[in-house]
Amino acid sequence: MVTLNQLIEFTPNDDDEREMFEKCKSNVINEYLSDTKSTWSNGTFYLGGFMKMKPNEEITLKKIDEVKIMREQRDKEYGEPCNSSEHASILRSKRQLDEIETLVNFYSVILRHRYLKELAKTNLNYDVNNIIVSYT
């Protein structure tokens, strides 16, 4: 899929990509990057507040789903937050997870769009191009 570093460095190639990426671009990239620079983090961030990751590790939809499961289990075990600070932290982590999931999905769509655009320059037919892209 994509790493935090790749999302930070990503530059849209054209108006279609810019529109797709800007539609979902959010503060989560900068927040996670800021976390990696904190003295407490040792160069890591917590995906959705639960999964410790380095900026060069892939953020996959599977990992996002794992964090959702961890969150559900935590909610069952501990119940409601004990104070407003904990509640704010939980809401921030949920928002970040939703935003990064949207970014990962759009990044995949943009890459698919790029691959199809390049393959369109070949003499292969559209169906073959789609099959090729489905393996990426």
C-alpha atoms as a PDB file:
ATOM      1  CA  MET A   1       0.000   0.000   0.000  1.00  0.00           C
ATOM      2  CA  VAL A   2       1.588   3.291   1.119  1.00  0.00           C
ATOM      3  CA  THR A   3       3.830   4.605   3.879  1.00  0.00           C
ATOM      4  CA  LEU A   4       3.533   7.848   5.815  1.00  0.00           C
ATOM      5  CA  ASN A   5       6.700   9.040   4.080  1.00  0.00           C
ATOM      6  CA  GLN A   6       5.148   8.378   0.654  1.00  0.00           C
ATOM      7  CA  LEU A   7       2.008  10.314   1.599  1.00  0.00           C
ATOM      8  CA  ILE A   8       4.143  13.236   2.794  1.00  0.00           C
ATOM      9  CA  GLU A   9       6.103  13.288  -0.474  1.00  0.00           C
ATOM     10  CA  PHE A  10       3.162  12.601  -2.785  1.00  0.00           C
ATOM     11  CA  THR A  11       2.626  15.133  -5.567  1.00  0.00           C
ATOM     12  CA  PRO A  12      -0.381  14.899  -7.891  1.00  0.00           C
ATOM     13  CA  ASN A  13       0.544  14.649 -11.592  1.00  0.00           C
ATOM     14  CA  ASP A  14      -2.532  16.299 -13.056  1.00  0.00           C
ATOM     15  CA  ASP A  15      -5.822  17.997 -12.225  1.00  0.00           C
ATOM     16  CA  ASP A  16      -7.685  14.691 -11.820  1.00  0.00           C
ATOM     17  CA  GLU A  17      -5.181  13.453  -9.245  1.00  0.00           C
ATOM     18  CA  ARG A  18      -5.059  16.826  -7.509  1.00  0.00           C
ATOM     19  CA  GLU A  19      -8.843  16.845  -7.219  1.00  0.00           C
ATOM     20  CA  MET A  20      -8.912  13.283  -5.828  1.00  0.00           C
ATOM     21  CA  PHE A  21      -6.105  13.864  -3.351  1.00  0.00           C
ATOM     22  CA  GLU A  22      -7.128  17.348  -2.208  1.00  0.00           C
ATOM     23  CA  LYS A  23     -10.674  16.121  -1.614  1.00  0.00           C
ATOM     24  CA  CYS A  24      -9.463  13.876   1.185  1.00  0.00           C
ATOM     25  CA  LYS A  25      -6.248  15.593   2.257  1.00  0.00           C
ATOM     26  CA  SER A  26      -6.315  16.290   5.933  1.00  0.00           C
ATOM     27  CA  ASN A  27      -4.268  17.140   8.977  1.00  0.00           C
ATOM     28  CA  VAL A  28      -3.555  13.509   9.779  1.00  0.00           C
ATOM     29  CA  ILE A  29      -0.334  13.409   7.741  1.00  0.00           C
ATOM     30  CA  ASN A  30       1.099  16.404   9.590  1.00  0.00           C
ATOM     31  CA  GLU A  31      -0.148  15.117  12.941  1.00  0.00           C
ATOM     32  CA  TYR A  32       1.493  11.722  12.466  1.00  0.00           C
ATOM     33  CA  LEU A  33       4.677  13.389  11.190  1.00  0.00           C
ATOM     34  CA  SER A  34       4.694  15.654  14.250  1.00  0.00           C
ATOM     35  CA  ASP A  35       4.300  12.603  16.484  1.00  0.00           C
ATOM     36  CA  THR A  36       7.380  10.988  14.913  1.00  0.00           C
ATOM     37  CA  LYS A  37       9.415  14.071  15.822  1.00  0.00           C
ATOM     38  CA  SER A  38       8.314  14.106  19.468  1.00  0.00           C
ATOM     39  CA  THR A  39      10.901  13.093  22.039  1.00  0.00           C
ATOM     40  CA  TRP A  40       8.610  10.426  23.515  1.00  0.00           C
ATOM     41  CA  SER A  41       7.913   8.691  20.194  1.00  0.00           C
ATOM     42  CA  ASN A  42      11.371   7.490  19.209  1.00  0.00           C
ATOM     43  CA  GLY A  43      10.520   8.252  15.556  1.00  0.00           C
ATOM     44  CA  THR A  44       7.181   6.430  15.555  1.00  0.00           C
ATOM     45  CA  PHE A  45       3.473   7.258  15.461  1.00  0.00           C
ATOM     46  CA  TYR A  46       0.400   5.326  16.588  1.00  0.00           C
ATOM     47  CA  LEU A  47      -1.976   4.375  13.780  1.00  0.00           C
ATOM     48  CA  GLY A  48      -5.446   5.145  15.109  1.00  0.00           C
ATOM     49  CA  GLY A  49      -3.942   5.530  18.572  1.00  0.00           C
ATOM     50  CA  PHE A  50      -3.195   1.802  18.872  1.00  0.00           C
ATOM     51  CA  MET A  51      -0.625   0.438  16.422  1.00  0.00           C
ATOM     52  CA  LYS A  52       2.942   1.705  16.780  1.00  0.00           C
ATOM     53  CA  MET A  53       4.468   2.325  13.353  1.00  0.00           C
ATOM     54  CA  LYS A  54       7.505   3.891  11.746  1.00  0.00           C
ATOM     55  CA  PRO A  55       7.050   6.399   8.907  1.00  0.00           C
ATOM     56  CA  ASN A  56       8.553   3.938   6.395  1.00  0.00           C
ATOM     57  CA  GLU A  57       6.181   1.061   7.301  1.00  0.00           C
ATOM     58  CA  GLU A  58       3.275   0.344   4.973  1.00  0.00           C
ATOM     59  CA  ILE A  59      -0.133   1.523   6.097  1.00  0.00           C
ATOM     60  CA  THR A  60      -2.520  -1.107   4.764  1.00  0.00           C
ATOM     61  CA  LEU A  61      -6.264  -1.501   4.950  1.00  0.00           C
ATOM     62  CA  LYS A  62      -5.618  -4.717   6.884  1.00  0.00           C
ATOM     63  CA  LYS A  63      -3.708  -2.792   9.558  1.00  0.00           C
ATOM     64  CA  ILE A  64      -6.482  -0.206   9.689  1.00  0.00           C
ATOM     65  CA  ASP A  65      -9.025  -3.000  10.210  1.00  0.00           C
ATOM     66  CA  GLU A  66      -6.831  -4.474  12.963  1.00  0.00           C
ATOM     67  CA  VAL A  67      -6.831  -1.101  14.732  1.00  0.00           C
ATOM     68  CA  LYS A  68     -10.630  -0.967  14.473  1.00  0.00           C
ATOM     69  CA  ILE A  69     -10.833  -4.391  16.130  1.00  0.00           C
ATOM     70  CA  MET A  70      -8.397  -3.277  18.867  1.00  0.00           C
ATOM     71  CA  ARG A  71     -10.545  -0.195  19.453  1.00  0.00           C
ATOM     72  CA  GLU A  72     -13.729  -2.283  19.754  1.00  0.00           C
ATOM     73  CA  GLN A  73     -12.046  -4.653  22.220  1.00  0.00           C
ATOM     74  CA  ARG A  74     -10.756  -1.728  24.262  1.00  0.00           C
ATOM     75  CA  ASP A  75     -14.230  -0.176  24.375  1.00  0.00           C
ATOM     76  CA  LYS A  76     -15.704  -3.471  25.625  1.00  0.00           C
ATOM     77  CA  GLU A  77     -13.016  -3.971  28.259  1.00  0.00           C
ATOM     78  CA  TYR A  78     -12.773  -0.443  29.643  1.00  0.00           C
ATOM     79  CA  GLY A  79     -16.089   1.162  28.783  1.00  0.00           C
ATOM     80  CA  GLU A  80     -16.523   4.915  28.590  1.00  0.00           C
ATOM     81  CA  PRO A  81     -13.580   7.325  28.906  1.00  0.00           C
ATOM     82  CA  CYS A  82     -12.880   8.405  32.489  1.00  0.00           C
ATOM     83  CA  ASN A  83     -12.377  12.117  31.752  1.00  0.00           C
ATOM     84  CA  SER A  84     -12.603  14.751  29.031  1.00  0.00           C
ATOM     85  CA  SER A  85      -8.905  14.462  28.114  1.00  0.00           C
ATOM     86  CA  GLU A  86      -9.232  10.750  27.456  1.00  0.00           C
ATOM     87  CA  HIS A  87     -12.446  11.358  25.502  1.00  0.00           C
ATOM     88  CA  ALA A  88     -10.712  14.003  23.343  1.00  0.00           C
ATOM     89  CA  SER A  89      -7.786  11.653  22.723  1.00  0.00           C
ATOM     90  CA  ILE A  90     -10.125   8.847  21.634  1.00  0.00           C
ATOM     91  CA  LEU A  91     -12.026  11.163  19.277  1.00  0.00           C
ATOM     92  CA  ARG A  92      -8.746  12.442  17.782  1.00  0.00           C
ATOM     93  CA  SER A  93      -7.489   8.888  17.205  1.00  0.00           C
ATOM     94  CA  LYS A  94     -10.785   7.862  15.565  1.00  0.00           C
ATOM     95  CA  ARG A  95     -10.701  10.913  13.281  1.00  0.00           C
ATOM     96  CA  GLN A  96      -7.086  10.214  12.345  1.00  0.00           C
ATOM     97  CA  LEU A  97      -7.882   6.595  11.518  1.00  0.00           C
ATOM     98  CA  ASP A  98     -10.839   7.618   9.337  1.00  0.00           C
ATOM     99  CA  GLU A  99      -8.730  10.233   7.539  1.00  0.00           C
ATOM    100  CA  ILE A 100      -5.760   7.928   6.928  1.00  0.00           C
ATOM    101  CA  GLU A 101      -8.111   5.218   5.638  1.00  0.00           C
ATOM    102  CA  THR A 102      -9.575   7.698   3.162  1.00  0.00           C
ATOM    103  CA  LEU A 103      -6.082   8.783   2.100  1.00  0.00           C
ATOM    104  CA  VAL A 104      -4.906   5.192   1.615  1.00  0.00           C
ATOM    105  CA  ASN A 105      -7.972   4.435  -0.507  1.00  0.00           C
ATOM    106  CA  PHE A 106      -7.548   7.547  -2.651  1.00  0.00           C
ATOM    107  CA  TYR A 107      -3.822   6.903  -3.023  1.00  0.00           C
ATOM    108  CA  SER A 108      -4.653   3.448  -4.407  1.00  0.00           C
ATOM    109  CA  VAL A 109      -7.188   4.962  -6.812  1.00  0.00           C
ATOM    110  CA  ILE A 110      -4.637   7.538  -7.979  1.00  0.00           C
ATOM    111  CA  LEU A 111      -1.961   4.880  -8.556  1.00  0.00           C
ATOM    112  CA  ARG A 112      -4.458   2.762 -10.496  1.00  0.00           C
ATOM    113  CA  HIS A 113      -5.340   5.843 -12.550  1.00  0.00           C
ATOM    114  CA  ARG A 114      -1.621   6.423 -13.287  1.00  0.00           C
ATOM    115  CA  TYR A 115      -1.022   2.820 -14.304  1.00  0.00           C
ATOM    116  CA  LEU A 116      -4.064   2.758 -16.571  1.00  0.00           C
ATOM    117  CA  LYS A 117      -3.006   6.037 -18.160  1.00  0.00           C
ATOM    118  CA  GLU A 118       0.426   4.600 -18.966  1.00  0.00           C
ATOM    119  CA  LEU A 119      -1.000   1.294 -20.183  1.00  0.00           C
ATOM    120  CA  ALA A 120      -3.403   3.185 -22.454  1.00  0.00           C
ATOM    121  CA  LYS A 121      -0.322   4.215 -24.438  1.00  0.00           C
ATOM    122  CA  THR A 122       0.264   0.562 -25.336  1.00  0.00           C
ATOM    123  CA  ASN A 123      -1.548  -1.509 -27.939  1.00  0.00           C
ATOM    124  CA  LEU A 124      -3.193  -3.697 -25.308  1.00  0.00           C
ATOM    125  CA  ASN A 125      -6.947  -3.544 -24.997  1.00  0.00           C
ATOM    126  CA  TYR A 126      -8.751  -1.971 -22.034  1.00  0.00           C
ATOM    127  CA  ASP A 127      -9.672  -5.315 -20.430  1.00  0.00           C
ATOM    128  CA  VAL A 128      -6.057  -6.498 -20.476  1.00  0.00           C
ATOM    129  CA  ASN A 129      -4.945  -3.223 -18.925  1.00  0.00           C
ATOM    130  CA  ASN A 130      -7.462  -3.651 -16.107  1.00  0.00           C
ATOM    131  CA  ILE A 131      -6.237  -7.172 -15.460  1.00  0.00           C
ATOM    132  CA  ILE A 132      -2.636  -5.970 -15.309  1.00  0.00           C
ATOM    133  CA  VAL A 133      -3.531  -3.162 -12.885  1.00  0.00           C
ATOM    134  CA  SER A 134      -5.510  -5.536 -10.675  1.00  0.00           C
ATOM    135  CA  TYR A 135      -2.252  -7.306  -9.791  1.00  0.00           C
ATOM    136  CA  THR A 136      -0.612  -4.141  -8.461  1.00  0.00           C
END
